[in-house]
Amino acid sequence: MNATGPKLNFGVTEGPGPGKNSFSACTADHAEETAKTLLALVERMKRGDRKRFVVGTGHGSCTCERAAFEYVVNLEFELRNHGVRDEADILFVTNEYELGDFGVDGVHIRSGGYVTPTE
């Protein structure tokens, strides 16, 4: 879980935080620990060990949804790059009113000739 916000305050959401039940990429030290753990999980996945990744924001005062969104996109890329995407379940958790809102009234996804609003 990447529980980012304008000020690191892992305690506002019960459970997450470095050294607890989650990992972070919010500081250089956090990111280094998270990267090492991800690579270790990738190695296990290469041996057929299926993993679940939960990425997102915590409490509603965590207002950096973009960071969590960027992280989940990067995670997708890295898992594909290492050839283990089929061994991973990814769950994205957000405190946004609408997915992709980012405080700018959402986004519109264009695919296959259709436009889908994130609302």
PDB file of N, CA and C in Angstrom:
ATOM      1  N   MET A   1       0.859  -1.176   0.000  1.00  0.00           N
ATOM      2  CA  MET A   1       0.000   0.000   0.000  1.00  0.00           C
ATOM      3  C   MET A   1       0.894   1.224   0.000  1.00  0.00           C
ATOM      4  N   ASN A   2       0.585   2.176  -0.821  1.00  0.00           N
ATOM      5  CA  ASN A   2       1.316   3.428  -0.906  1.00  0.00           C
ATOM      6  C   ASN A   2       0.400   4.501  -0.337  1.00  0.00           C
ATOM      7  N   ALA A   3       0.487   4.734   0.972  1.00  0.00           N
ATOM      8  CA  ALA A   3      -0.418   5.657   1.649  1.00  0.00           C
ATOM      9  C   ALA A   3       0.226   7.040   1.686  1.00  0.00           C
ATOM     10  N   THR A   4       0.186   7.710   0.557  1.00  0.00           N
ATOM     11  CA  THR A   4       0.852   9.005   0.464  1.00  0.00           C
ATOM     12  C   THR A   4      -0.064  10.132   0.911  1.00  0.00           C
ATOM     13  N   GLY A   5       0.521  11.245   1.112  1.00  0.00           N
ATOM     14  CA  GLY A   5      -0.228  12.438   1.493  1.00  0.00           C
ATOM     15  C   GLY A   5       0.705  13.626   1.484  1.00  0.00           C
ATOM     16  N   PRO A   6       0.198  14.839   1.767  1.00  0.00           N
ATOM     17  CA  PRO A   6       1.054  16.011   1.753  1.00  0.00           C
ATOM     18  C   PRO A   6       2.088  15.967   2.874  1.00  0.00           C
ATOM     19  N   LYS A   7       1.802  15.186   3.891  1.00  0.00           N
ATOM     20  CA  LYS A   7       2.720  14.997   5.016  1.00  0.00           C
ATOM     21  C   LYS A   7       2.612  13.522   5.397  1.00  0.00           C
ATOM     22  N   LEU A   8       3.761  12.852   5.526  1.00  0.00           N
ATOM     23  CA  LEU A   8       3.707  11.435   5.879  1.00  0.00           C
ATOM     24  C   LEU A   8       3.103  11.267   7.264  1.00  0.00           C
ATOM     25  N   ASN A   9       2.017  10.532   7.317  1.00  0.00           N
ATOM     26  CA  ASN A   9       1.329  10.279   8.575  1.00  0.00           C
ATOM     27  C   ASN A   9       0.678   8.907   8.480  1.00  0.00           C
ATOM     28  N   PHE A  10       1.496   7.874   8.556  1.00  0.00           N
ATOM     29  CA  PHE A  10       0.994   6.516   8.397  1.00  0.00           C
ATOM     30  C   PHE A  10       0.023   6.134   9.497  1.00  0.00           C
ATOM     31  N   GLY A  11       0.115   6.776  10.650  1.00  0.00           N
ATOM     32  CA  GLY A  11      -0.724   6.438  11.785  1.00  0.00           C
ATOM     33  C   GLY A  11      -2.190   6.788  11.632  1.00  0.00           C
ATOM     34  N   VAL A  12      -2.542   7.624  10.655  1.00  0.00           N
ATOM     35  CA  VAL A  12      -3.931   8.050  10.504  1.00  0.00           C
ATOM     36  C   VAL A  12      -4.806   6.916   9.957  1.00  0.00           C
ATOM     37  N   THR A  13      -4.176   5.945   9.281  1.00  0.00           N
ATOM     38  CA  THR A  13      -4.878   4.748   8.811  1.00  0.00           C
ATOM     39  C   THR A  13      -4.296   3.569   9.564  1.00  0.00           C
ATOM     40  N   GLU A  14      -5.122   2.848  10.270  1.00  0.00           N
ATOM     41  CA  GLU A  14      -4.634   1.745  11.094  1.00  0.00           C
ATOM     42  C   GLU A  14      -3.959   0.668  10.234  1.00  0.00           C
ATOM     43  N   GLY A  15      -2.741   0.304  10.613  1.00  0.00           N
ATOM     44  CA  GLY A  15      -2.062  -0.816   9.976  1.00  0.00           C
ATOM     45  C   GLY A  15      -0.895  -0.503   9.068  1.00  0.00           C
ATOM     46  N   PRO A  16      -1.009   0.453   8.119  1.00  0.00           N
ATOM     47  CA  PRO A  16       0.095   0.613   7.177  1.00  0.00           C
ATOM     48  C   PRO A  16       1.277   1.367   7.757  1.00  0.00           C
ATOM     49  N   GLY A  17       2.362   1.264   7.041  1.00  0.00           N
ATOM     50  CA  GLY A  17       3.575   1.993   7.390  1.00  0.00           C
ATOM     51  C   GLY A  17       4.785   1.111   7.249  1.00  0.00           C
ATOM     52  N   PRO A  18       5.919   1.703   6.938  1.00  0.00           N
ATOM     53  CA  PRO A  18       7.161   0.945   6.841  1.00  0.00           C
ATOM     54  C   PRO A  18       7.428   0.186   8.145  1.00  0.00           C
ATOM     55  N   GLY A  19       7.833  -1.062   8.014  1.00  0.00           N
ATOM     56  CA  GLY A  19       8.083  -1.893   9.186  1.00  0.00           C
ATOM     57  C   GLY A  19       6.820  -2.474   9.791  1.00  0.00           C
ATOM     58  N   LYS A  20       5.681  -2.205   9.173  1.00  0.00           N
ATOM     59  CA  LYS A  20       4.397  -2.727   9.666  1.00  0.00           C
ATOM     60  C   LYS A  20       3.794  -3.622   8.600  1.00  0.00           C
ATOM     61  N   ASN A  21       2.610  -3.271   8.127  1.00  0.00           N
ATOM     62  CA  ASN A  21       1.871  -4.116   7.192  1.00  0.00           C
ATOM     63  C   ASN A  21       1.921  -3.626   5.748  1.00  0.00           C
ATOM     64  N   SER A  22       2.849  -2.751   5.433  1.00  0.00           N
ATOM     65  CA  SER A  22       2.877  -2.221   4.070  1.00  0.00           C
ATOM     66  C   SER A  22       4.253  -1.676   3.740  1.00  0.00           C
ATOM     67  N   PHE A  23       4.386  -1.263   2.499  1.00  0.00           N
ATOM     68  CA  PHE A  23       5.615  -0.641   2.033  1.00  0.00           C
ATOM     69  C   PHE A  23       5.271   0.721   1.473  1.00  0.00           C
ATOM     70  N   SER A  24       6.280   1.545   1.293  1.00  0.00           N
ATOM     71  CA  SER A  24       6.074   2.912   0.839  1.00  0.00           C
ATOM     72  C   SER A  24       7.158   3.270  -0.167  1.00  0.00           C
ATOM     73  N   ALA A  25       6.876   4.237  -0.990  1.00  0.00           N
ATOM     74  CA  ALA A  25       7.876   4.799  -1.894  1.00  0.00           C
ATOM     75  C   ALA A  25       7.970   6.304  -1.666  1.00  0.00           C
ATOM     76  N   CYS A  26       7.612   6.734  -0.463  1.00  0.00           N
ATOM     77  CA  CYS A  26       7.484   8.160  -0.162  1.00  0.00           C
ATOM     78  C   CYS A  26       8.800   8.850   0.163  1.00  0.00           C
ATOM     79  N   THR A  27       9.806   8.098   0.551  1.00  0.00           N
ATOM     80  CA  THR A  27      11.130   8.662   0.793  1.00  0.00           C
ATOM     81  C   THR A  27      12.142   7.760   0.091  1.00  0.00           C
ATOM     82  N   ALA A  28      13.368   8.219  -0.053  1.00  0.00           N
ATOM     83  CA  ALA A  28      14.397   7.406  -0.713  1.00  0.00           C
ATOM     84  C   ALA A  28      14.616   6.094   0.040  1.00  0.00           C
ATOM     85  N   ASP A  29      14.671   6.143   1.371  1.00  0.00           N
ATOM     86  CA  ASP A  29      14.853   4.917   2.152  1.00  0.00           C
ATOM     87  C   ASP A  29      13.672   3.967   1.992  1.00  0.00           C
ATOM     88  N   HIS A  30      12.464   4.505   2.036  1.00  0.00           N
ATOM     89  CA  HIS A  30      11.266   3.681   1.838  1.00  0.00           C
ATOM     90  C   HIS A  30      11.302   3.030   0.460  1.00  0.00           C
ATOM     91  N   ALA A  31      11.608   3.826  -0.566  1.00  0.00           N
ATOM     92  CA  ALA A  31      11.610   3.322  -1.936  1.00  0.00           C
ATOM     93  C   ALA A  31      12.654   2.226  -2.122  1.00  0.00           C
ATOM     94  N   GLU A  32      13.802   2.384  -1.503  1.00  0.00           N
ATOM     95  CA  GLU A  32      14.858   1.367  -1.616  1.00  0.00           C
ATOM     96  C   GLU A  32      14.399   0.042  -1.002  1.00  0.00           C
ATOM     97  N   GLU A  33      13.796   0.106   0.178  1.00  0.00           N
ATOM     98  CA  GLU A  33      13.286  -1.097   0.832  1.00  0.00           C
ATOM     99  C   GLU A  33      12.181  -1.741  -0.005  1.00  0.00           C
ATOM    100  N   THR A  34      11.285  -0.927  -0.540  1.00  0.00           N
ATOM    101  CA  THR A  34      10.180  -1.430  -1.349  1.00  0.00           C
ATOM    102  C   THR A  34      10.690  -2.085  -2.628  1.00  0.00           C
ATOM    103  N   ALA A  35      11.677  -1.474  -3.269  1.00  0.00           N
ATOM    104  CA  ALA A  35      12.243  -2.032  -4.499  1.00  0.00           C
ATOM    105  C   ALA A  35      12.891  -3.391  -4.236  1.00  0.00           C
ATOM    106  N   LYS A  36      13.626  -3.510  -3.142  1.00  0.00           N
ATOM    107  CA  LYS A  36      14.256  -4.791  -2.795  1.00  0.00           C
ATOM    108  C   LYS A  36      13.195  -5.864  -2.562  1.00  0.00           C
ATOM    109  N   THR A  37      12.136  -5.494  -1.869  1.00  0.00           N
ATOM    110  CA  THR A  37      11.058  -6.447  -1.597  1.00  0.00           C
ATOM    111  C   THR A  37      10.359  -6.845  -2.887  1.00  0.00           C
ATOM    112  N   LEU A  38      10.102  -5.876  -3.776  1.00  0.00           N
ATOM    113  CA  LEU A  38       9.463  -6.182  -5.049  1.00  0.00           C
ATOM    114  C   LEU A  38      10.303  -7.165  -5.850  1.00  0.00           C
ATOM    115  N   LEU A  39      11.615  -6.941  -5.918  1.00  0.00           N
ATOM    116  CA  LEU A  39      12.480  -7.851  -6.673  1.00  0.00           C
ATOM    117  C   LEU A  39      12.484  -9.251  -6.069  1.00  0.00           C
ATOM    118  N   ALA A  40      12.439  -9.340  -4.736  1.00  0.00           N
ATOM    119  CA  ALA A  40      12.363 -10.658  -4.084  1.00  0.00           C
ATOM    120  C   ALA A  40      11.042 -11.350  -4.434  1.00  0.00           C
ATOM    121  N   LEU A  41       9.950 -10.590  -4.469  1.00  0.00           N
ATOM    122  CA  LEU A  41       8.651 -11.155  -4.837  1.00  0.00           C
ATOM    123  C   LEU A  41       8.640 -11.587  -6.302  1.00  0.00           C
ATOM    124  N   VAL A  42       9.284 -10.815  -7.163  1.00  0.00           N
ATOM    125  CA  VAL A  42       9.384 -11.176  -8.571  1.00  0.00           C
ATOM    126  C   VAL A  42      10.080 -12.530  -8.715  1.00  0.00           C
ATOM    127  N   GLU A  43      11.141 -12.737  -7.964  1.00  0.00           N
ATOM    128  CA  GLU A  43      11.852 -14.022  -8.020  1.00  0.00           C
ATOM    129  C   GLU A  43      10.944 -15.168  -7.580  1.00  0.00           C
ATOM    130  N   ARG A  44      10.164 -14.953  -6.556  1.00  0.00           N
ATOM    131  CA  ARG A  44       9.225 -15.990  -6.102  1.00  0.00           C
ATOM    132  C   ARG A  44       8.153 -16.241  -7.156  1.00  0.00           C
ATOM    133  N   MET A  45       7.702 -15.174  -7.814  1.00  0.00           N
ATOM    134  CA  MET A  45       6.682 -15.302  -8.847  1.00  0.00           C
ATOM    135  C   MET A  45       7.232 -16.068 -10.049  1.00  0.00           C
ATOM    136  N   LYS A  46       8.518 -15.903 -10.343  1.00  0.00           N
ATOM    137  CA  LYS A  46       9.141 -16.637 -11.446  1.00  0.00           C
ATOM    138  C   LYS A  46       9.130 -18.138 -11.176  1.00  0.00           C
ATOM    139  N   ARG A  47       9.039 -18.504  -9.913  1.00  0.00           N
ATOM    140  CA  ARG A  47       8.959 -19.922  -9.534  1.00  0.00           C
ATOM    141  C   ARG A  47       7.501 -20.384  -9.413  1.00  0.00           C
ATOM    142  N   GLY A  48       6.558 -19.516  -9.816  1.00  0.00           N
ATOM    143  CA  GLY A  48       5.152 -19.899  -9.826  1.00  0.00           C
ATOM    144  C   GLY A  48       4.367 -19.517  -8.589  1.00  0.00           C
ATOM    145  N   ASP A  49       4.955 -18.746  -7.696  1.00  0.00           N
ATOM    146  CA  ASP A  49       4.278 -18.319  -6.469  1.00  0.00           C
ATOM    147  C   ASP A  49       3.436 -17.078  -6.769  1.00  0.00           C
ATOM    148  N   ARG A  50       2.127 -17.229  -6.829  1.00  0.00           N
ATOM    149  CA  ARG A  50       1.218 -16.119  -7.143  1.00  0.00           C
ATOM    150  C   ARG A  50       1.189 -15.107  -5.992  1.00  0.00           C
ATOM    151  N   LYS A  51       1.174 -13.820  -6.332  1.00  0.00           N
ATOM    152  CA  LYS A  51       1.177 -12.751  -5.334  1.00  0.00           C
ATOM    153  C   LYS A  51       0.053 -11.760  -5.600  1.00  0.00           C
ATOM    154  N   ARG A  52      -0.398 -11.114  -4.524  1.00  0.00           N
ATOM    155  CA  ARG A  52      -1.402 -10.054  -4.613  1.00  0.00           C
ATOM    156  C   ARG A  52      -0.756  -8.753  -4.147  1.00  0.00           C
ATOM    157  N   PHE A  53      -0.928  -7.705  -4.946  1.00  0.00           N
ATOM    158  CA  PHE A  53      -0.408  -6.382  -4.623  1.00  0.00           C
ATOM    159  C   PHE A  53      -1.587  -5.445  -4.400  1.00  0.00           C
ATOM    160  N   VAL A  54      -1.578  -4.738  -3.297  1.00  0.00           N
ATOM    161  CA  VAL A  54      -2.595  -3.744  -2.999  1.00  0.00           C
ATOM    162  C   VAL A  54      -1.893  -2.386  -3.005  1.00  0.00           C
ATOM    163  N   VAL A  55      -2.330  -1.512  -3.885  1.00  0.00           N
ATOM    164  CA  VAL A  55      -1.727  -0.185  -4.018  1.00  0.00           C
ATOM    165  C   VAL A  55      -2.833   0.832  -3.863  1.00  0.00           C
ATOM    166  N   GLY A  56      -2.569   1.895  -3.114  1.00  0.00           N
ATOM    167  CA  GLY A  56      -3.581   2.934  -3.009  1.00  0.00           C
ATOM    168  C   GLY A  56      -3.283   3.930  -1.922  1.00  0.00           C
ATOM    169  N   THR A  57      -4.304   4.654  -1.586  1.00  0.00           N
ATOM    170  CA  THR A  57      -4.203   5.666  -0.549  1.00  0.00           C
ATOM    171  C   THR A  57      -4.993   5.210   0.666  1.00  0.00           C
ATOM    172  N   GLY A  58      -4.658   5.770   1.790  1.00  0.00           N
ATOM    173  CA  GLY A  58      -5.343   5.420   3.024  1.00  0.00           C
ATOM    174  C   GLY A  58      -6.455   6.396   3.344  1.00  0.00           C
ATOM    175  N   HIS A  59      -6.389   6.956   4.526  1.00  0.00           N
ATOM    176  CA  HIS A  59      -7.367   7.888   5.069  1.00  0.00           C
ATOM    177  C   HIS A  59      -7.646   9.031   4.092  1.00  0.00           C
ATOM    178  N   GLY A  60      -8.823   9.582   4.164  1.00  0.00           N
ATOM    179  CA  GLY A  60      -9.229  10.668   3.281  1.00  0.00           C
ATOM    180  C   GLY A  60      -8.344  11.894   3.308  1.00  0.00           C
ATOM    181  N   SER A  61      -7.531  12.063   4.353  1.00  0.00           N
ATOM    182  CA  SER A  61      -6.616  13.204   4.386  1.00  0.00           C
ATOM    183  C   SER A  61      -5.375  12.942   3.547  1.00  0.00           C
ATOM    184  N   CYS A  62      -5.238  11.740   3.009  1.00  0.00           N
ATOM    185  CA  CYS A  62      -4.125  11.419   2.108  1.00  0.00           C
ATOM    186  C   CYS A  62      -4.524  11.909   0.725  1.00  0.00           C
ATOM    187  N   THR A  63      -3.942  13.004   0.322  1.00  0.00           N
ATOM    188  CA  THR A  63      -4.438  13.681  -0.874  1.00  0.00           C
ATOM    189  C   THR A  63      -3.532  13.545  -2.087  1.00  0.00           C
ATOM    190  N   CYS A  64      -2.606  12.620  -2.089  1.00  0.00           N
ATOM    191  CA  CYS A  64      -1.725  12.447  -3.251  1.00  0.00           C
ATOM    192  C   CYS A  64      -2.127  11.208  -4.028  1.00  0.00           C
ATOM    193  N   GLU A  65      -3.356  11.188  -4.504  1.00  0.00           N
ATOM    194  CA  GLU A  65      -3.835  10.041  -5.269  1.00  0.00           C
ATOM    195  C   GLU A  65      -2.978   9.802  -6.500  1.00  0.00           C
ATOM    196  N   ARG A  66      -2.466  10.875  -7.081  1.00  0.00           N
ATOM    197  CA  ARG A  66      -1.645  10.732  -8.288  1.00  0.00           C
ATOM    198  C   ARG A  66      -0.435   9.849  -8.021  1.00  0.00           C
ATOM    199  N   ALA A  67       0.179   9.962  -6.852  1.00  0.00           N
ATOM    200  CA  ALA A  67       1.355   9.150  -6.546  1.00  0.00           C
ATOM    201  C   ALA A  67       0.997   7.670  -6.524  1.00  0.00           C
ATOM    202  N   ALA A  68      -0.126   7.335  -5.926  1.00  0.00           N
ATOM    203  CA  ALA A  68      -0.560   5.936  -5.885  1.00  0.00           C
ATOM    204  C   ALA A  68      -0.906   5.457  -7.292  1.00  0.00           C
ATOM    205  N   PHE A  69      -1.559   6.299  -8.080  1.00  0.00           N
ATOM    206  CA  PHE A  69      -1.909   5.943  -9.449  1.00  0.00           C
ATOM    207  C   PHE A  69      -0.648   5.711 -10.273  1.00  0.00           C
ATOM    208  N   GLU A  70       0.336   6.592 -10.111  1.00  0.00           N
ATOM    209  CA  GLU A  70       1.611   6.438 -10.820  1.00  0.00           C
ATOM    210  C   GLU A  70       2.299   5.144 -10.386  1.00  0.00           C
ATOM    211  N   TYR A  71       2.255   4.851  -9.092  1.00  0.00           N
ATOM    212  CA  TYR A  71       2.913   3.646  -8.592  1.00  0.00           C
ATOM    213  C   TYR A  71       2.266   2.387  -9.164  1.00  0.00           C
ATOM    214  N   VAL A  72       0.942   2.336  -9.231  1.00  0.00           N
ATOM    215  CA  VAL A  72       0.284   1.131  -9.740  1.00  0.00           C
ATOM    216  C   VAL A  72       0.592   0.945 -11.231  1.00  0.00           C
ATOM    217  N   VAL A  73       0.712   2.031 -11.979  1.00  0.00           N
ATOM    218  CA  VAL A  73       1.091   1.939 -13.387  1.00  0.00           C
ATOM    219  C   VAL A  73       2.533   1.435 -13.497  1.00  0.00           C
ATOM    220  N   ASN A  74       3.421   1.944 -12.661  1.00  0.00           N
ATOM    221  CA  ASN A  74       4.813   1.481 -12.663  1.00  0.00           C
ATOM    222  C   ASN A  74       4.912   0.014 -12.253  1.00  0.00           C
ATOM    223  N   LEU A  75       4.106  -0.401 -11.282  1.00  0.00           N
ATOM    224  CA  LEU A  75       4.089  -1.798 -10.862  1.00  0.00           C
ATOM    225  C   LEU A  75       3.673  -2.685 -12.029  1.00  0.00           C
ATOM    226  N   GLU A  76       2.627  -2.311 -12.726  1.00  0.00           N
ATOM    227  CA  GLU A  76       2.174  -3.056 -13.902  1.00  0.00           C
ATOM    228  C   GLU A  76       3.320  -3.205 -14.902  1.00  0.00           C
ATOM    229  N   PHE A  77       4.008  -2.097 -15.179  1.00  0.00           N
ATOM    230  CA  PHE A  77       5.128  -2.115 -16.118  1.00  0.00           C
ATOM    231  C   PHE A  77       6.223  -3.063 -15.651  1.00  0.00           C
ATOM    232  N   GLU A  78       6.605  -2.956 -14.387  1.00  0.00           N
ATOM    233  CA  GLU A  78       7.703  -3.787 -13.868  1.00  0.00           C
ATOM    234  C   GLU A  78       7.358  -5.274 -13.888  1.00  0.00           C
ATOM    235  N   LEU A  79       6.140  -5.613 -13.522  1.00  0.00           N
ATOM    236  CA  LEU A  79       5.741  -7.019 -13.535  1.00  0.00           C
ATOM    237  C   LEU A  79       5.757  -7.568 -14.960  1.00  0.00           C
ATOM    238  N   ARG A  80       5.296  -6.774 -15.921  1.00  0.00           N
ATOM    239  CA  ARG A  80       5.348  -7.199 -17.323  1.00  0.00           C
ATOM    240  C   ARG A  80       6.800  -7.306 -17.793  1.00  0.00           C
ATOM    241  N   ASN A  81       7.613  -6.336 -17.410  1.00  0.00           N
ATOM    242  CA  ASN A  81       9.012  -6.305 -17.804  1.00  0.00           C
ATOM    243  C   ASN A  81       9.759  -7.549 -17.316  1.00  0.00           C
ATOM    244  N   HIS A  82       9.406  -8.029 -16.135  1.00  0.00           N
ATOM    245  CA  HIS A  82      10.047  -9.211 -15.565  1.00  0.00           C
ATOM    246  C   HIS A  82       9.357 -10.514 -15.987  1.00  0.00           C
ATOM    247  N   GLY A  83       8.296 -10.406 -16.784  1.00  0.00           N
ATOM    248  CA  GLY A  83       7.617 -11.583 -17.309  1.00  0.00           C
ATOM    249  C   GLY A  83       6.785 -12.349 -16.288  1.00  0.00           C
ATOM    250  N   VAL A  84       6.317 -11.652 -15.244  1.00  0.00           N
ATOM    251  CA  VAL A  84       5.554 -12.338 -14.194  1.00  0.00           C
ATOM    252  C   VAL A  84       4.151 -11.758 -13.995  1.00  0.00           C
ATOM    253  N   ARG A  85       3.678 -10.948 -14.931  1.00  0.00           N
ATOM    254  CA  ARG A  85       2.380 -10.297 -14.739  1.00  0.00           C
ATOM    255  C   ARG A  85       1.253 -11.295 -14.535  1.00  0.00           C
ATOM    256  N   ASP A  86       1.341 -12.456 -15.186  1.00  0.00           N
ATOM    257  CA  ASP A  86       0.285 -13.456 -15.053  1.00  0.00           C
ATOM    258  C   ASP A  86       0.251 -14.100 -13.670  1.00  0.00           C
ATOM    259  N   GLU A  87       1.277 -13.889 -12.877  1.00  0.00           N
ATOM    260  CA  GLU A  87       1.337 -14.445 -11.520  1.00  0.00           C
ATOM    261  C   GLU A  87       0.900 -13.434 -10.464  1.00  0.00           C
ATOM    262  N   ALA A  88       0.404 -12.275 -10.904  1.00  0.00           N
ATOM    263  CA  ALA A  88       0.087 -11.198  -9.960  1.00  0.00           C
ATOM    264  C   ALA A  88      -1.369 -10.771 -10.041  1.00  0.00           C
ATOM    265  N   ASP A  89      -1.960 -10.544  -8.868  1.00  0.00           N
ATOM    266  CA  ASP A  89      -3.251  -9.874  -8.756  1.00  0.00           C
ATOM    267  C   ASP A  89      -2.953  -8.485  -8.231  1.00  0.00           C
ATOM    268  N   ILE A  90      -3.488  -7.471  -8.886  1.00  0.00           N
ATOM    269  CA  ILE A  90      -3.265  -6.093  -8.446  1.00  0.00           C
ATOM    270  C   ILE A  90      -4.603  -5.489  -8.074  1.00  0.00           C
ATOM    271  N   LEU A  91      -4.672  -4.944  -6.863  1.00  0.00           N
ATOM    272  CA  LEU A  91      -5.873  -4.270  -6.375  1.00  0.00           C
ATOM    273  C   LEU A  91      -5.510  -2.822  -6.101  1.00  0.00           C
ATOM    274  N   PHE A  92      -6.251  -1.899  -6.708  1.00  0.00           N
ATOM    275  CA  PHE A  92      -6.009  -0.470  -6.509  1.00  0.00           C
ATOM    276  C   PHE A  92      -7.097   0.085  -5.599  1.00  0.00           C
ATOM    277  N   VAL A  93      -6.698   0.685  -4.494  1.00  0.00           N
ATOM    278  CA  VAL A  93      -7.622   1.245  -3.513  1.00  0.00           C
ATOM    279  C   VAL A  93      -7.440   2.763  -3.505  1.00  0.00           C
ATOM    280  N   THR A  94      -8.558   3.476  -3.589  1.00  0.00           N
ATOM    281  CA  THR A  94      -8.463   4.936  -3.617  1.00  0.00           C
ATOM    282  C   THR A  94      -9.517   5.550  -2.707  1.00  0.00           C
ATOM    283  N   ASN A  95      -9.206   6.719  -2.183  1.00  0.00           N
ATOM    284  CA  ASN A  95     -10.182   7.459  -1.387  1.00  0.00           C
ATOM    285  C   ASN A  95     -10.882   8.518  -2.237  1.00  0.00           C
ATOM    286  N   GLU A  96     -10.683   8.447  -3.544  1.00  0.00           N
ATOM    287  CA  GLU A  96     -11.297   9.413  -4.445  1.00  0.00           C
ATOM    288  C   GLU A  96     -12.798   9.187  -4.554  1.00  0.00           C
ATOM    289  N   TYR A  97     -13.513  10.249  -4.772  1.00  0.00           N
ATOM    290  CA  TYR A  97     -14.951  10.166  -4.996  1.00  0.00           C
ATOM    291  C   TYR A  97     -15.239   9.372  -6.260  1.00  0.00           C
ATOM    292  N   GLU A  98     -14.455   9.640  -7.307  1.00  0.00           N
ATOM    293  CA  GLU A  98     -14.556   8.926  -8.570  1.00  0.00           C
ATOM    294  C   GLU A  98     -13.147   8.518  -8.976  1.00  0.00           C
ATOM    295  N   LEU A  99     -12.986   7.308  -9.511  1.00  0.00           N
ATOM    296  CA  LEU A  99     -11.675   6.850  -9.942  1.00  0.00           C
ATOM    297  C   LEU A  99     -11.077   7.828 -10.942  1.00  0.00           C
ATOM    298  N   GLY A 100      -9.856   8.220 -10.710  1.00  0.00           N
ATOM    299  CA  GLY A 100      -9.187   9.140 -11.610  1.00  0.00           C
ATOM    300  C   GLY A 100      -9.604  10.579 -11.441  1.00  0.00           C
ATOM    301  N   ASP A 101     -10.324  10.909 -10.371  1.00  0.00           N
ATOM    302  CA  ASP A 101     -10.791  12.271 -10.152  1.00  0.00           C
ATOM    303  C   ASP A 101      -9.615  13.234 -10.013  1.00  0.00           C
ATOM    304  N   PHE A 102      -8.639  12.866  -9.195  1.00  0.00           N
ATOM    305  CA  PHE A 102      -7.442  13.692  -8.971  1.00  0.00           C
ATOM    306  C   PHE A 102      -7.780  15.130  -8.621  1.00  0.00           C
ATOM    307  N   GLY A 103      -8.988  15.362  -8.160  1.00  0.00           N
ATOM    308  CA  GLY A 103      -9.385  16.726  -7.823  1.00  0.00           C
ATOM    309  C   GLY A 103      -9.672  17.580  -9.037  1.00  0.00           C
ATOM    310  N   VAL A 104      -9.755  16.974 -10.227  1.00  0.00           N
ATOM    311  CA  VAL A 104      -9.993  17.744 -11.452  1.00  0.00           C
ATOM    312  C   VAL A 104     -11.204  17.220 -12.219  1.00  0.00           C
ATOM    313  N   ASP A 105     -12.128  16.609 -11.508  1.00  0.00           N
ATOM    314  CA  ASP A 105     -13.383  16.140 -12.091  1.00  0.00           C
ATOM    315  C   ASP A 105     -13.208  14.972 -13.054  1.00  0.00           C
ATOM    316  N   GLY A 106     -12.260  14.093 -12.766  1.00  0.00           N
ATOM    317  CA  GLY A 106     -12.138  12.848 -13.501  1.00  0.00           C
ATOM    318  C   GLY A 106     -11.417  12.940 -14.827  1.00  0.00           C
ATOM    319  N   VAL A 107     -11.315  11.779 -15.459  1.00  0.00           N
ATOM    320  CA  VAL A 107     -10.688  11.681 -16.772  1.00  0.00           C
ATOM    321  C   VAL A 107     -11.629  10.892 -17.686  1.00  0.00           C
ATOM    322  N   HIS A 108     -11.354  10.936 -18.968  1.00  0.00           N
ATOM    323  CA  HIS A 108     -12.125  10.188 -19.953  1.00  0.00           C
ATOM    324  C   HIS A 108     -11.171   9.238 -20.668  1.00  0.00           C
ATOM    325  N   ILE A 109     -11.484   7.950 -20.642  1.00  0.00           N
ATOM    326  CA  ILE A 109     -10.640   6.923 -21.239  1.00  0.00           C
ATOM    327  C   ILE A 109     -11.192   6.584 -22.617  1.00  0.00           C
ATOM    328  N   ARG A 110     -10.343   6.722 -23.629  1.00  0.00           N
ATOM    329  CA  ARG A 110     -10.740   6.406 -25.003  1.00  0.00           C
ATOM    330  C   ARG A 110     -10.159   5.049 -25.367  1.00  0.00           C
ATOM    331  N   SER A 111     -11.016   4.108 -25.730  1.00  0.00           N
ATOM    332  CA  SER A 111     -10.564   2.774 -26.104  1.00  0.00           C
ATOM    333  C   SER A 111     -11.578   2.116 -27.031  1.00  0.00           C
ATOM    334  N   GLY A 112     -11.111   1.544 -28.104  1.00  0.00           N
ATOM    335  CA  GLY A 112     -11.983   0.824 -29.011  1.00  0.00           C
ATOM    336  C   GLY A 112     -13.112   1.658 -29.595  1.00  0.00           C
ATOM    337  N   GLY A 113     -12.870   2.947 -29.780  1.00  0.00           N
ATOM    338  CA  GLY A 113     -13.890   3.820 -30.340  1.00  0.00           C
ATOM    339  C   GLY A 113     -14.909   4.332 -29.330  1.00  0.00           C
ATOM    340  N   TYR A 114     -14.727   3.998 -28.058  1.00  0.00           N
ATOM    341  CA  TYR A 114     -15.637   4.437 -27.007  1.00  0.00           C
ATOM    342  C   TYR A 114     -14.917   5.376 -26.054  1.00  0.00           C
ATOM    343  N   VAL A 115     -15.677   6.267 -25.461  1.00  0.00           N
ATOM    344  CA  VAL A 115     -15.147   7.168 -24.433  1.00  0.00           C
ATOM    345  C   VAL A 115     -15.870   6.811 -23.134  1.00  0.00           C
ATOM    346  N   THR A 116     -15.082   6.462 -22.111  1.00  0.00           N
ATOM    347  CA  THR A 116     -15.657   6.082 -20.819  1.00  0.00           C
ATOM    348  C   THR A 116     -15.200   7.076 -19.757  1.00  0.00           C
ATOM    349  N   PRO A 117     -16.128   7.822 -19.137  1.00  0.00           N
ATOM    350  CA  PRO A 117     -15.725   8.709 -18.044  1.00  0.00           C
ATOM    351  C   PRO A 117     -15.442   7.879 -16.794  1.00  0.00           C
ATOM    352  N   THR A 118     -14.537   8.345 -15.961  1.00  0.00           N
ATOM    353  CA  THR A 118     -14.176   7.595 -14.762  1.00  0.00           C
ATOM    354  C   THR A 118     -15.248   7.639 -13.694  1.00  0.00           C
ATOM    355  N   GLU A 119     -16.280   8.480 -13.887  1.00  0.00           N
ATOM    356  CA  GLU A 119     -17.345   8.513 -12.896  1.00  0.00           C
ATOM    357  C   GLU A 119     -18.110   7.221 -12.905  1.00  0.00           C
TER     358      GLU A 119
END
